[in-house]
Amino acid sequence: MKYDFDLESQRGAKKKLIIQILLTIGEAALVIFLAFLLTHYGFEVYTVTGHEMKPTLIKDDRILVNKLVYRIGRVKRNDIVIVKQSGTEHNYYSVERVLGLPGERVRIRDGRIYIDGKKLKEKFAFPRMENGGLALEEITLEDDEYFLLCDNRNNGEDSRNANIGNVLRENILGKAWFRLNTMEFVNFLDAFSEEDEKGSSAQDSAS
C-alpha cells in the first residue's frame, strides 16, 4: 500500500494555516477589547473650552485624561481633574484644581485659602481671590466631597459658586495627565512666572 506523503503534507499545511488564522483573529479581538477598555475606562482626550485654568491650561489645549489612576488610587490635593457638571439643560465637563479634601474645613479669607484654620501654602503664585463666595464662611467637607478651584481664580466658576459647590467623588472622571499640544505632563506645567511668585510673597508679607 502506497502512502501519499504529499496529501498528508497538504493537510498539515492547511491545519497550520487554519490555526494561524484563528490565532490572528484572537489577537485582533484582544487588541480591540483592550483598546475599548483603555478608551472607556482608562484614558480619554479632553479639549479645554474656556479660560478658567489660564495660564496653566488655555483654551483649545488638548489633554489626555487618566481615568485609571483614580480606580487604583486616591484624589490628591493640587491634582488637576476633569469634573462632570450638571447644568440646567445638559451635563458638561470642566477642568479644575483640587484644594480641599474629604473631612477638611475650608475657608477663604483675605483672598487666600485656609484648610483646617491654617493658610494653605500653595505651590504656585495664584492671584488673590476677589470673591470667596460660599467659602467666606467655613465649609466642612463630607467623606465624599472635594473643594475645587480654578487657576484663573477671578475669572471662573468653581466650588465657591452656588451652582457648583462641593464636588462629589463620583463626578471626578479623571486626572488631567498629559498635554498633547506640547507633549508635557500636566503636573509639570508651571505657567506662573518667578516674578509673580516674588510679587505674591511680598504681598503676603505686607498683609
C-alpha atoms as a PDB file:
ATOM      1  CA  MET A   1       0.000   0.000   0.000  1.00  0.00           C
ATOM      2  CA  LYS A   2       1.402   3.347  -1.041  1.00  0.00           C
ATOM      3  CA  TYR A   3       1.284   6.298   1.345  1.00  0.00           C
ATOM      4  CA  ASP A   4       0.583   9.714  -0.171  1.00  0.00           C
ATOM      5  CA  PHE A   5       3.065  11.964   1.654  1.00  0.00           C
ATOM      6  CA  ASP A   6       2.151  14.976  -0.491  1.00  0.00           C
ATOM      7  CA  LEU A   7      -1.517  14.732   0.553  1.00  0.00           C
ATOM      8  CA  GLU A   8      -0.609  14.430   4.223  1.00  0.00           C
ATOM      9  CA  SER A   9       1.743  17.384   3.918  1.00  0.00           C
ATOM     10  CA  GLN A  10      -1.025  19.474   2.330  1.00  0.00           C
ATOM     11  CA  ARG A  11      -3.406  18.571   5.169  1.00  0.00           C
ATOM     12  CA  GLY A  12      -0.788  19.549   7.718  1.00  0.00           C
ATOM     13  CA  ALA A  13      -0.181  22.881   5.986  1.00  0.00           C
ATOM     14  CA  LYS A  14      -3.942  23.618   5.865  1.00  0.00           C
ATOM     15  CA  LYS A  15      -4.252  22.769   9.559  1.00  0.00           C
ATOM     16  CA  LYS A  16      -1.388  25.116  10.425  1.00  0.00           C
ATOM     17  CA  LEU A  17      -2.929  27.855   8.260  1.00  0.00           C
ATOM     18  CA  ILE A  18      -6.309  27.494   9.993  1.00  0.00           C
ATOM     19  CA  ILE A  19      -4.637  27.646  13.429  1.00  0.00           C
ATOM     20  CA  GLN A  20      -2.658  30.712  12.378  1.00  0.00           C
ATOM     21  CA  ILE A  21      -5.800  32.439  11.105  1.00  0.00           C
ATOM     22  CA  LEU A  22      -7.642  31.669  14.351  1.00  0.00           C
ATOM     23  CA  LEU A  23      -4.723  32.984  16.410  1.00  0.00           C
ATOM     24  CA  THR A  24      -4.620  36.165  14.329  1.00  0.00           C
ATOM     25  CA  ILE A  25      -8.364  36.690  14.779  1.00  0.00           C
ATOM     26  CA  GLY A  26      -7.987  36.070  18.518  1.00  0.00           C
ATOM     27  CA  GLU A  27      -5.135  38.570  18.798  1.00  0.00           C
ATOM     28  CA  ALA A  28      -7.085  41.178  16.834  1.00  0.00           C
ATOM     29  CA  ALA A  29     -10.132  40.677  19.058  1.00  0.00           C
ATOM     30  CA  LEU A  30      -7.943  41.044  22.165  1.00  0.00           C
ATOM     31  CA  VAL A  31      -6.403  44.275  20.852  1.00  0.00           C
ATOM     32  CA  ILE A  32      -9.863  45.689  20.074  1.00  0.00           C
ATOM     33  CA  PHE A  33     -11.112  44.678  23.531  1.00  0.00           C
ATOM     34  CA  LEU A  34      -8.108  46.266  25.280  1.00  0.00           C
ATOM     35  CA  ALA A  35      -8.493  49.412  23.178  1.00  0.00           C
ATOM     36  CA  PHE A  36     -12.157  49.567  24.233  1.00  0.00           C
ATOM     37  CA  LEU A  37     -11.205  49.217  27.904  1.00  0.00           C
ATOM     38  CA  LEU A  38      -8.493  51.878  27.649  1.00  0.00           C
ATOM     39  CA  THR A  39     -10.756  54.297  25.797  1.00  0.00           C
ATOM     40  CA  HIS A  40     -13.785  53.882  28.048  1.00  0.00           C
ATOM     41  CA  TYR A  41     -12.182  53.108  31.400  1.00  0.00           C
ATOM     42  CA  GLY A  42      -8.531  54.150  31.134  1.00  0.00           C
ATOM     43  CA  PHE A  43      -7.820  57.231  29.024  1.00  0.00           C
ATOM     44  CA  GLU A  44      -9.750  59.901  27.161  1.00  0.00           C
ATOM     45  CA  VAL A  45      -8.839  63.076  25.281  1.00  0.00           C
ATOM     46  CA  TYR A  46     -10.397  66.305  26.558  1.00  0.00           C
ATOM     47  CA  THR A  47     -10.232  69.732  24.907  1.00  0.00           C
ATOM     48  CA  VAL A  48     -10.140  72.772  27.191  1.00  0.00           C
ATOM     49  CA  THR A  49     -13.002  75.063  26.209  1.00  0.00           C
ATOM     50  CA  GLY A  50     -12.595  78.095  28.461  1.00  0.00           C
ATOM     51  CA  HIS A  51     -10.076  80.264  30.269  1.00  0.00           C
ATOM     52  CA  GLU A  52     -10.754  79.039  33.811  1.00  0.00           C
ATOM     53  CA  MET A  53      -7.362  77.290  34.163  1.00  0.00           C
ATOM     54  CA  LYS A  54      -5.298  80.018  32.481  1.00  0.00           C
ATOM     55  CA  PRO A  55      -2.296  80.230  32.408  1.00  0.00           C
ATOM     56  CA  THR A  56      -1.671  76.582  33.356  1.00  0.00           C
ATOM     57  CA  LEU A  57      -4.055  75.352  30.662  1.00  0.00           C
ATOM     58  CA  ILE A  58      -5.530  77.558  27.972  1.00  0.00           C
ATOM     59  CA  LYS A  59      -8.452  77.355  25.561  1.00  0.00           C
ATOM     60  CA  ASP A  60      -8.107  74.604  22.930  1.00  0.00           C
ATOM     61  CA  ASP A  61      -5.386  72.732  24.825  1.00  0.00           C
ATOM     62  CA  ARG A  62      -5.872  69.007  24.227  1.00  0.00           C
ATOM     63  CA  ILE A  63      -5.145  66.913  27.295  1.00  0.00           C
ATOM     64  CA  LEU A  64      -5.066  63.184  27.883  1.00  0.00           C
ATOM     65  CA  VAL A  65      -7.200  62.307  30.893  1.00  0.00           C
ATOM     66  CA  ASN A  66      -6.101  59.369  33.041  1.00  0.00           C
ATOM     67  CA  LYS A  67      -9.278  57.760  34.374  1.00  0.00           C
ATOM     68  CA  LEU A  68      -7.486  54.650  35.573  1.00  0.00           C
ATOM     69  CA  VAL A  69      -5.382  56.429  38.215  1.00  0.00           C
ATOM     70  CA  TYR A  70      -8.401  57.071  40.461  1.00  0.00           C
ATOM     71  CA  ARG A  71      -9.608  53.494  40.150  1.00  0.00           C
ATOM     72  CA  ILE A  72      -6.463  52.304  41.889  1.00  0.00           C
ATOM     73  CA  GLY A  73      -5.518  55.408  43.887  1.00  0.00           C
ATOM     74  CA  ARG A  74      -6.979  58.468  45.580  1.00  0.00           C
ATOM     75  CA  VAL A  75      -7.588  62.036  44.542  1.00  0.00           C
ATOM     76  CA  LYS A  76      -4.813  64.282  45.891  1.00  0.00           C
ATOM     77  CA  ARG A  77      -4.513  67.964  46.649  1.00  0.00           C
ATOM     78  CA  ASN A  78      -3.307  70.030  43.653  1.00  0.00           C
ATOM     79  CA  ASP A  79      -4.449  67.376  41.156  1.00  0.00           C
ATOM     80  CA  ILE A  80      -5.961  68.973  38.061  1.00  0.00           C
ATOM     81  CA  VAL A  81      -9.103  66.973  37.359  1.00  0.00           C
ATOM     82  CA  ILE A  82     -11.953  66.675  34.888  1.00  0.00           C
ATOM     83  CA  VAL A  83     -15.343  67.104  36.512  1.00  0.00           C
ATOM     84  CA  LYS A  84     -18.794  66.239  35.242  1.00  0.00           C
ATOM     85  CA  GLN A  85     -21.074  69.171  35.995  1.00  0.00           C
ATOM     86  CA  SER A  86     -24.865  69.173  35.788  1.00  0.00           C
ATOM     87  CA  GLY A  87     -26.238  72.272  34.119  1.00  0.00           C
ATOM     88  CA  THR A  88     -29.817  73.450  33.787  1.00  0.00           C
ATOM     89  CA  GLU A  89     -30.155  71.932  30.310  1.00  0.00           C
ATOM     90  CA  HIS A  90     -27.474  69.275  29.984  1.00  0.00           C
ATOM     91  CA  ASN A  91     -24.307  67.844  31.534  1.00  0.00           C
ATOM     92  CA  TYR A  92     -20.957  69.393  30.712  1.00  0.00           C
ATOM     93  CA  TYR A  93     -17.331  68.961  31.738  1.00  0.00           C
ATOM     94  CA  SER A  94     -14.919  71.341  33.410  1.00  0.00           C
ATOM     95  CA  VAL A  95     -11.263  71.240  34.424  1.00  0.00           C
ATOM     96  CA  GLU A  96     -10.338  72.418  37.928  1.00  0.00           C
ATOM     97  CA  ARG A  97      -7.730  72.004  40.672  1.00  0.00           C
ATOM     98  CA  VAL A  98      -8.349  70.021  43.875  1.00  0.00           C
ATOM     99  CA  LEU A  99      -7.747  72.077  47.022  1.00  0.00           C
ATOM    100  CA  GLY A 100      -9.952  70.730  49.812  1.00  0.00           C
ATOM    101  CA  LEU A 101     -10.097  67.021  50.655  1.00  0.00           C
ATOM    102  CA  PRO A 102     -12.827  64.966  52.395  1.00  0.00           C
ATOM    103  CA  GLY A 103     -13.235  65.763  56.083  1.00  0.00           C
ATOM    104  CA  GLU A 104     -11.333  69.060  55.896  1.00  0.00           C
ATOM    105  CA  ARG A 105     -12.613  72.506  56.857  1.00  0.00           C
ATOM    106  CA  VAL A 106     -12.180  75.046  54.051  1.00  0.00           C
ATOM    107  CA  ARG A 107     -12.419  78.822  54.206  1.00  0.00           C
ATOM    108  CA  ILE A 108     -11.304  81.729  52.019  1.00  0.00           C
ATOM    109  CA  ARG A 109     -10.099  84.780  53.929  1.00  0.00           C
ATOM    110  CA  ASP A 110      -8.318  87.864  52.602  1.00  0.00           C
ATOM    111  CA  GLY A 111      -8.201  86.278  49.167  1.00  0.00           C
ATOM    112  CA  ARG A 112      -6.351  83.141  50.341  1.00  0.00           C
ATOM    113  CA  ILE A 113      -7.488  79.616  51.122  1.00  0.00           C
ATOM    114  CA  TYR A 114      -7.350  78.166  54.633  1.00  0.00           C
ATOM    115  CA  ILE A 115      -7.517  74.450  55.433  1.00  0.00           C
ATOM    116  CA  ASP A 116      -8.474  73.459  58.984  1.00  0.00           C
ATOM    117  CA  GLY A 117      -7.711  77.012  60.141  1.00  0.00           C
ATOM    118  CA  LYS A 118      -4.228  77.251  58.560  1.00  0.00           C
ATOM    119  CA  LYS A 119      -3.367  79.201  55.414  1.00  0.00           C
ATOM    120  CA  LEU A 120      -2.533  76.776  52.638  1.00  0.00           C
ATOM    121  CA  LYS A 121       0.967  77.196  51.245  1.00  0.00           C
ATOM    122  CA  GLU A 122       0.323  76.718  47.550  1.00  0.00           C
ATOM    123  CA  LYS A 123       2.871  75.579  45.018  1.00  0.00           C
ATOM    124  CA  PHE A 124       2.170  78.387  42.550  1.00  0.00           C
ATOM    125  CA  ALA A 125       1.578  82.125  42.935  1.00  0.00           C
ATOM    126  CA  PHE A 126      -2.140  82.152  42.327  1.00  0.00           C
ATOM    127  CA  PRO A 127      -3.821  85.576  42.268  1.00  0.00           C
ATOM    128  CA  ARG A 128      -5.664  86.682  45.367  1.00  0.00           C
ATOM    129  CA  MET A 129      -9.344  85.848  45.149  1.00  0.00           C
ATOM    130  CA  GLU A 130     -11.557  88.904  44.972  1.00  0.00           C
ATOM    131  CA  ASN A 131     -14.606  86.870  45.994  1.00  0.00           C
ATOM    132  CA  GLY A 132     -14.592  83.979  48.423  1.00  0.00           C
ATOM    133  CA  GLY A 133     -18.179  83.064  47.549  1.00  0.00           C
ATOM    134  CA  LEU A 134     -19.588  80.211  49.605  1.00  0.00           C
ATOM    135  CA  ALA A 135     -16.224  79.746  51.320  1.00  0.00           C
ATOM    136  CA  LEU A 136     -16.345  83.136  53.052  1.00  0.00           C
ATOM    137  CA  GLU A 137     -17.934  81.042  55.774  1.00  0.00           C
ATOM    138  CA  GLU A 138     -16.084  77.880  56.781  1.00  0.00           C
ATOM    139  CA  ILE A 139     -17.173  74.772  54.865  1.00  0.00           C
ATOM    140  CA  THR A 140     -16.794  71.262  56.260  1.00  0.00           C
ATOM    141  CA  LEU A 141     -16.397  68.673  53.510  1.00  0.00           C
ATOM    142  CA  GLU A 142     -18.208  65.347  53.755  1.00  0.00           C
ATOM    143  CA  ASP A 143     -16.469  61.987  53.304  1.00  0.00           C
ATOM    144  CA  ASP A 144     -17.007  62.006  49.524  1.00  0.00           C
ATOM    145  CA  GLU A 145     -16.698  65.751  48.837  1.00  0.00           C
ATOM    146  CA  TYR A 146     -13.886  67.872  47.388  1.00  0.00           C
ATOM    147  CA  PHE A 147     -13.407  71.637  47.188  1.00  0.00           C
ATOM    148  CA  LEU A 148     -12.120  72.685  43.749  1.00  0.00           C
ATOM    149  CA  LEU A 149     -10.786  75.993  42.442  1.00  0.00           C
ATOM    150  CA  CYS A 150      -9.825  77.334  39.026  1.00  0.00           C
ATOM    151  CA  ASP A 151      -6.294  78.638  38.482  1.00  0.00           C
ATOM    152  CA  ASN A 152      -7.737  81.788  36.903  1.00  0.00           C
ATOM    153  CA  ARG A 153      -9.427  82.447  40.191  1.00  0.00           C
ATOM    154  CA  ASN A 154     -11.076  85.755  39.450  1.00  0.00           C
ATOM    155  CA  ASN A 155     -12.480  84.697  36.090  1.00  0.00           C
ATOM    156  CA  GLY A 156     -14.007  81.273  36.520  1.00  0.00           C
ATOM    157  CA  GLU A 157     -16.655  79.272  38.334  1.00  0.00           C
ATOM    158  CA  ASP A 158     -15.706  76.625  40.875  1.00  0.00           C
ATOM    159  CA  SER A 159     -16.680  75.368  44.342  1.00  0.00           C
ATOM    160  CA  ARG A 160     -17.134  78.955  45.555  1.00  0.00           C
ATOM    161  CA  ASN A 161     -20.193  79.263  43.323  1.00  0.00           C
ATOM    162  CA  ALA A 162     -23.597  78.035  44.451  1.00  0.00           C
ATOM    163  CA  ASN A 163     -24.335  76.385  41.096  1.00  0.00           C
ATOM    164  CA  ILE A 164     -21.273  74.131  41.511  1.00  0.00           C
ATOM    165  CA  GLY A 165     -20.415  73.861  45.204  1.00  0.00           C
ATOM    166  CA  ASN A 166     -18.521  70.926  46.655  1.00  0.00           C
ATOM    167  CA  VAL A 167     -17.807  68.184  44.111  1.00  0.00           C
ATOM    168  CA  LEU A 168     -18.706  64.551  44.786  1.00  0.00           C
ATOM    169  CA  ARG A 169     -16.064  61.901  44.195  1.00  0.00           C
ATOM    170  CA  GLU A 170     -18.305  60.152  41.665  1.00  0.00           C
ATOM    171  CA  ASN A 171     -18.290  63.273  39.471  1.00  0.00           C
ATOM    172  CA  ILE A 172     -14.492  63.412  39.211  1.00  0.00           C
ATOM    173  CA  LEU A 173     -13.858  61.499  35.990  1.00  0.00           C
ATOM    174  CA  GLY A 174     -10.084  61.508  35.923  1.00  0.00           C
ATOM    175  CA  LYS A 175      -6.794  63.358  36.264  1.00  0.00           C
ATOM    176  CA  ALA A 176      -5.513  65.755  33.597  1.00  0.00           C
ATOM    177  CA  TRP A 177      -2.388  63.805  32.811  1.00  0.00           C
ATOM    178  CA  PHE A 178      -0.673  64.858  29.577  1.00  0.00           C
ATOM    179  CA  ARG A 179      -0.956  67.928  27.357  1.00  0.00           C
ATOM    180  CA  LEU A 180      -0.859  66.738  23.770  1.00  0.00           C
ATOM    181  CA  ASN A 181      -0.120  70.178  22.289  1.00  0.00           C
ATOM    182  CA  THR A 182       3.334  70.376  23.831  1.00  0.00           C
ATOM    183  CA  MET A 183       3.835  66.735  24.856  1.00  0.00           C
ATOM    184  CA  GLU A 184       4.214  67.628  28.542  1.00  0.00           C
ATOM    185  CA  PHE A 185       2.826  66.088  31.705  1.00  0.00           C
ATOM    186  CA  VAL A 186       0.238  68.470  33.163  1.00  0.00           C
ATOM    187  CA  ASN A 187       1.650  68.219  36.697  1.00  0.00           C
ATOM    188  CA  PHE A 188       4.985  69.530  35.337  1.00  0.00           C
ATOM    189  CA  LEU A 189       3.384  72.646  33.836  1.00  0.00           C
ATOM    190  CA  ASP A 190       4.231  75.871  35.662  1.00  0.00           C
ATOM    191  CA  ALA A 191       2.843  78.795  33.722  1.00  0.00           C
ATOM    192  CA  PHE A 192       3.202  81.169  36.693  1.00  0.00           C
ATOM    193  CA  SER A 193       6.364  83.240  36.390  1.00  0.00           C
ATOM    194  CA  GLU A 194       9.024  83.669  39.060  1.00  0.00           C
ATOM    195  CA  GLU A 195       8.209  87.383  39.162  1.00  0.00           C
ATOM    196  CA  ASP A 196       4.600  86.557  40.030  1.00  0.00           C
ATOM    197  CA  GLU A 197       5.777  84.329  42.877  1.00  0.00           C
ATOM    198  CA  LYS A 198       8.054  87.073  44.294  1.00  0.00           C
ATOM    199  CA  GLY A 199       5.290  89.623  43.958  1.00  0.00           C
ATOM    200  CA  SER A 200       2.817  87.350  45.690  1.00  0.00           C
ATOM    201  CA  SER A 201       5.249  86.637  48.534  1.00  0.00           C
ATOM    202  CA  ALA A 202       5.849  90.353  49.033  1.00  0.00           C
ATOM    203  CA  GLN A 203       2.085  90.992  49.149  1.00  0.00           C
ATOM    204  CA  ASP A 204       1.585  88.218  51.692  1.00  0.00           C
ATOM    205  CA  SER A 205       4.372  89.587  53.873  1.00  0.00           C
ATOM    206  CA  ALA A 206       2.852  93.073  53.734  1.00  0.00           C
ATOM    207  CA  SER A 207      -0.635  91.851  54.658  1.00  0.00           C
END
